[in-house]
């Protein structure tokens, strides 16, 4: 009976030591993650009308753009921003104006 009690106490001691060792490792990992500053990502999307002069008219169509950390590019030219993957949606905006039309954005 004594031998059984000693074996059980040894198993409890080993289990306790293992639990403490694992807990200490997890606490150190959490402290390391907290101490590291999170990476700030600037990411936004927008559409803009792109206009071209044709023979007797001005043709405008919407295009989809991405701002990735201050760098603006057409969404079709890049499909990822700092690990953020995105699908390029179809833009449906389209307009035709007379030749003398002035773009109010200019």
Protein backbone atom coordinates (compact mmCIF):
# COMPACT_ATOMS: atom_id res chain seq x y z
CA UNK A 1 0.00 0.00 0.00
CA UNK A 2 2.87 2.34 0.82
CA UNK A 3 4.41 1.72 -2.56
CA UNK A 4 1.15 2.70 -4.29
CA UNK A 5 0.92 5.94 -2.32
CA UNK A 6 4.54 6.82 -3.13
CA UNK A 7 3.98 6.14 -6.86
CA UNK A 8 0.81 8.26 -6.87
CA UNK A 9 2.60 11.12 -5.08
CA UNK A 10 5.43 10.91 -7.62
CA UNK A 11 2.92 11.07 -10.51
CA UNK A 12 1.15 14.08 -8.93
CA UNK A 13 4.51 15.82 -8.46
CA UNK A 14 5.51 15.19 -12.10
CA UNK A 15 2.13 16.39 -13.36
CA UNK A 16 2.33 19.54 -11.21
CA UNK A 17 5.86 20.28 -12.43
CA UNK A 18 4.78 19.82 -16.07
CA UNK A 19 1.78 22.11 -15.59
CA UNK A 20 3.96 24.85 -14.02
CA UNK A 21 6.59 24.56 -16.79
CA UNK A 22 3.98 24.87 -19.55
CA UNK A 23 2.25 27.80 -17.82
CA UNK A 24 5.54 29.68 -17.46
CA UNK A 25 6.33 29.20 -21.15
CA UNK A 26 2.88 30.51 -22.17
CA UNK A 27 3.24 33.56 -19.92
CA UNK A 28 6.62 34.38 -21.51
CA UNK A 29 5.10 34.05 -25.00
CA UNK A 30 2.24 36.38 -24.07
CA UNK A 31 4.67 38.95 -22.60
CA UNK A 32 6.72 38.86 -25.82
CA UNK A 33 3.61 39.43 -27.96
CA UNK A 34 2.50 42.35 -25.79
CA UNK A 35 5.92 43.99 -25.87
CA UNK A 36 6.08 43.90 -29.69
CA UNK A 37 4.29 46.84 -31.26
CA UNK A 38 1.46 45.88 -33.59
CA UNK A 39 2.05 46.58 -37.27
CA UNK A 40 -0.19 49.39 -38.52
CA UNK A 41 -1.50 48.90 -42.03
CA UNK A 42 -3.08 51.71 -44.02
CA UNK A 43 -5.54 50.13 -46.44
CA UNK A 44 -8.46 51.68 -48.29
CA UNK A 45 -10.27 51.28 -51.59
CA UNK A 46 -12.06 53.78 -53.81
CA UNK A 47 -13.30 54.33 -57.34
CA UNK A 48 -12.41 57.25 -59.56
CA UNK A 49 -13.63 58.31 -62.99
CA UNK A 50 -10.98 58.17 -65.73
CA UNK A 51 -11.87 60.35 -68.72
CA UNK A 52 -10.54 60.27 -72.28
CA UNK A 53 -11.12 62.66 -75.16
CA UNK A 54 -12.50 60.84 -78.19
CA UNK A 55 -13.35 62.37 -81.60
CA UNK A 56 -16.59 64.22 -80.81
CA UNK A 57 -17.10 63.34 -77.16
CA UNK A 58 -15.49 62.73 -73.77
CA UNK A 59 -15.78 59.17 -72.49
CA UNK A 60 -15.49 58.48 -68.72
CA UNK A 61 -15.44 55.17 -66.87
CA UNK A 62 -14.97 54.24 -63.23
CA UNK A 63 -11.86 52.35 -62.16
CA UNK A 64 -11.17 50.71 -58.82
CA UNK A 65 -8.07 51.85 -56.85
CA UNK A 66 -6.32 50.67 -53.69
CA UNK A 67 -4.36 52.73 -51.16
CA UNK A 68 -1.80 50.41 -49.56
CA UNK A 69 0.35 52.23 -46.98
CA UNK A 70 0.12 55.51 -48.91
CA UNK A 71 0.84 53.96 -52.31
CA UNK A 72 -2.15 54.28 -54.65
CA UNK A 73 -2.45 51.84 -57.56
CA UNK A 74 -5.11 50.31 -59.75
CA UNK A 75 -6.62 47.35 -57.98
CA UNK A 76 -6.08 45.13 -61.03
CA UNK A 77 -2.31 45.78 -60.83
CA UNK A 78 -2.00 44.32 -57.31
CA UNK A 79 -4.08 41.69 -55.54
CA UNK A 80 -2.50 41.92 -52.09
CA UNK A 81 -1.58 44.58 -49.53
CA UNK A 82 0.58 43.46 -46.59
CA UNK A 83 -1.03 40.05 -46.54
CA UNK A 84 -4.55 41.37 -47.20
CA UNK A 85 -5.77 39.64 -50.35
CA UNK A 86 -8.70 41.15 -52.20
CA UNK A 87 -10.82 40.44 -55.24
CA UNK A 88 -11.16 43.25 -57.75
CA UNK A 89 -14.84 44.09 -58.20
CA UNK A 90 -16.26 45.12 -61.54
CA UNK A 91 -16.95 48.82 -61.78
CA UNK A 92 -20.00 49.68 -63.81
CA UNK A 93 -19.87 53.47 -63.97
CA UNK A 94 -19.72 54.82 -67.53
CA UNK A 95 -20.64 58.16 -69.10
CA UNK A 96 -20.32 59.99 -72.43
CA UNK A 97 -20.25 63.80 -72.62
CA UNK A 98 -20.14 66.38 -75.43
CA UNK A 99 -16.73 67.48 -76.68
CA UNK A 100 -16.83 70.86 -74.86
CA UNK A 101 -17.60 69.27 -71.48
CA UNK A 102 -15.30 70.35 -68.65
CA UNK A 103 -14.50 67.95 -65.85
CA UNK A 104 -15.60 69.70 -62.61
CA UNK A 105 -12.82 67.96 -60.65
CA UNK A 106 -10.12 69.94 -62.47
